[in-house]
Amino acid sequence: MANRDLSPTSWAAPGNAVVGFAVTLEAVSEQPLPLDQMLNNYCPNTDVTVTTASATFQAFTTLDPGITSNSRGVIIIPPYGNATGITLKGVTGDTGMPINPNGIAVIPFPSGGAPTSGITTASAITGLRLISF
């Protein structure tokens, strides 16, 4: 396992954000399959629960104002049992990419921080959790 340090070159905020996943894999090999760990030791790491607007593009930075140029990604966690469609969008107007409405999604941002990307939901979702790292 390797640490991928996603920290920007200059110090910006105290604290650490380490994203790890518990993944169970069955492999033919006797060796465990390594997974990298993402580290951002300059992240403002936020954890917010929001209610989305219906059928309206919402940028990640609007949904969570704590997402800054030092954030390297966001984890989207819909409320348990959510069936409302969620579509990742780059900008208003693009067709986007649908994600599992009841699954967890990890969206990495490019170097330099959060782009103007976000989500559109088919109807309002109450209790959508966003964790930035």
Protein backbone atom coordinates (compact mmCIF):
# COMPACT_ATOMS: atom_id res chain seq x y z
CA MET A 1 0.00 0.00 0.00
CA ALA A 2 1.28 3.44 -0.87
CA ASN A 3 0.35 6.85 0.46
CA ARG A 4 -0.63 9.28 -2.25
CA ASP A 5 0.02 12.72 -0.83
CA LEU A 6 -2.50 15.03 -2.47
CA SER A 7 -1.46 18.03 -0.38
CA PRO A 8 -0.85 21.31 -2.18
CA THR A 9 2.67 22.71 -2.19
CA SER A 10 1.92 25.46 0.34
CA TRP A 11 0.42 25.15 3.80
CA ALA A 12 -3.16 26.42 4.00
CA ALA A 13 -5.13 24.87 6.87
CA PRO A 14 -4.41 22.73 9.92
CA GLY A 15 -5.47 19.12 10.13
CA ASN A 16 -5.35 16.00 8.04
CA ALA A 17 -7.78 14.24 5.78
CA VAL A 18 -7.02 10.60 5.12
CA VAL A 19 -9.43 8.64 2.95
CA GLY A 20 -9.37 4.87 3.28
CA PHE A 21 -11.77 2.18 2.17
CA ALA A 22 -12.50 -1.22 3.62
CA VAL A 23 -12.58 -3.43 0.55
CA THR A 24 -12.89 -7.20 0.62
CA LEU A 25 -11.50 -8.84 -2.49
CA GLU A 26 -11.30 -12.47 -3.43
CA ALA A 27 -8.24 -13.22 -5.47
CA VAL A 28 -6.68 -16.28 -7.01
CA SER A 29 -3.32 -15.08 -5.71
CA GLU A 30 -2.05 -15.79 -2.21
CA GLN A 31 -0.85 -12.19 -1.92
CA PRO A 32 -3.25 -9.47 -0.76
CA LEU A 33 -4.06 -6.84 -3.33
CA PRO A 34 -2.65 -3.46 -2.23
CA LEU A 35 -4.78 -0.32 -2.13
CA ASP A 36 -3.33 3.17 -1.97
CA GLN A 37 -4.32 5.60 0.75
CA MET A 38 -5.07 9.22 -0.16
CA LEU A 39 -3.60 11.84 2.17
CA ASN A 40 -4.20 15.58 2.12
CA ASN A 41 -2.61 17.23 5.14
CA TYR A 42 -3.73 20.74 4.13
CA CYS A 43 -7.41 20.07 3.74
CA PRO A 44 -10.17 21.96 5.53
CA ASN A 45 -12.03 18.61 5.51
CA THR A 46 -15.72 19.27 6.03
CA ASP A 47 -18.64 16.97 6.75
CA VAL A 48 -22.06 18.43 5.97
CA THR A 49 -25.57 17.10 5.47
CA VAL A 50 -27.64 19.04 2.95
CA THR A 51 -31.00 19.12 1.21
CA THR A 52 -30.65 19.42 -2.56
CA ALA A 53 -32.81 21.46 -4.90
CA SER A 54 -35.06 19.60 -7.31
CA ALA A 55 -33.84 19.27 -10.91
CA THR A 56 -31.36 22.14 -10.50
CA PHE A 57 -27.59 22.06 -10.99
CA GLN A 58 -25.80 22.70 -7.69
CA ALA A 59 -22.03 23.11 -7.56
CA PHE A 60 -20.17 21.21 -4.85
CA THR A 61 -18.83 24.54 -3.55
CA THR A 62 -22.41 25.82 -3.20
CA LEU A 63 -23.63 22.70 -1.41
CA ASP A 64 -20.58 22.77 0.89
CA PRO A 65 -18.92 26.22 1.15
CA GLY A 66 -16.11 24.52 3.10
CA ILE A 67 -14.83 22.98 -0.14
CA THR A 68 -11.88 25.16 -1.13
CA SER A 69 -8.97 25.19 -3.55
CA ASN A 70 -7.16 22.89 -1.09
CA SER A 71 -9.85 20.20 -1.23
CA ARG A 72 -8.89 17.20 -3.32
CA GLY A 73 -12.26 15.49 -3.54
CA VAL A 74 -15.67 14.86 -2.07
CA ILE A 75 -17.43 11.73 -0.86
CA ILE A 76 -21.18 11.68 -1.62
CA ILE A 77 -23.31 9.59 0.74
CA PRO A 78 -27.04 9.52 -0.01
CA PRO A 79 -29.46 8.82 2.83
CA TYR A 80 -30.26 5.16 3.41
CA GLY A 81 -32.80 3.85 0.90
CA ASN A 82 -32.57 6.88 -1.40
CA ALA A 83 -34.15 6.21 -4.79
CA THR A 84 -33.90 9.74 -6.21
CA GLY A 85 -31.57 9.95 -9.18
CA ILE A 86 -28.25 11.79 -8.77
CA THR A 87 -26.28 12.97 -11.81
CA LEU A 88 -22.70 14.26 -11.72
CA LYS A 89 -22.28 17.33 -13.89
CA GLY A 90 -19.29 19.33 -15.06
CA VAL A 91 -21.28 22.48 -15.79
CA THR A 92 -24.91 23.49 -16.11
CA GLY A 93 -26.38 22.06 -19.29
CA ASP A 94 -24.22 18.98 -19.84
CA THR A 95 -25.91 15.59 -19.76
CA GLY A 96 -23.71 14.38 -16.90
CA MET A 97 -23.16 10.90 -15.57
CA PRO A 98 -25.72 9.19 -13.33
CA ILE A 99 -24.42 7.56 -10.15
CA ASN A 100 -26.03 4.94 -7.92
CA PRO A 101 -28.73 6.81 -5.96
CA ASN A 102 -28.19 4.60 -2.91
CA GLY A 103 -24.42 4.09 -3.13
CA ILE A 104 -21.38 5.97 -1.94
CA ALA A 105 -19.40 7.89 -4.58
CA VAL A 106 -15.89 9.30 -4.24
CA ILE A 107 -15.25 12.19 -6.62
CA PRO A 108 -11.61 13.34 -6.85
CA PHE A 109 -10.90 16.94 -7.85
CA PRO A 110 -8.03 17.92 -10.12
CA SER A 111 -4.88 19.46 -8.70
CA GLY A 112 -5.65 23.03 -7.72
CA GLY A 113 -8.96 22.36 -6.07
CA ALA A 114 -12.63 22.01 -6.70
CA PRO A 115 -13.72 22.66 -10.26
CA THR A 116 -17.12 24.08 -11.13
CA SER A 117 -18.63 20.60 -11.03
CA GLY A 118 -21.60 19.47 -9.01
CA ILE A 119 -24.78 17.43 -9.09
CA THR A 120 -28.36 17.54 -10.25
CA THR A 121 -30.96 15.45 -8.44
CA ALA A 122 -34.27 14.32 -9.97
CA SER A 123 -36.10 15.73 -6.94
CA ALA A 124 -35.01 17.15 -3.60
CA ILE A 125 -32.96 14.83 -1.41
CA THR A 126 -33.02 15.50 2.32
CA GLY A 127 -30.00 14.20 4.20
CA LEU A 128 -27.39 14.00 1.42
CA ARG A 129 -24.00 13.87 3.15
CA LEU A 130 -20.88 15.42 1.63
CA ILE A 131 -17.42 14.85 3.11
CA SER A 132 -14.58 16.85 1.56
CA PHE A 133 -10.96 15.76 1.74
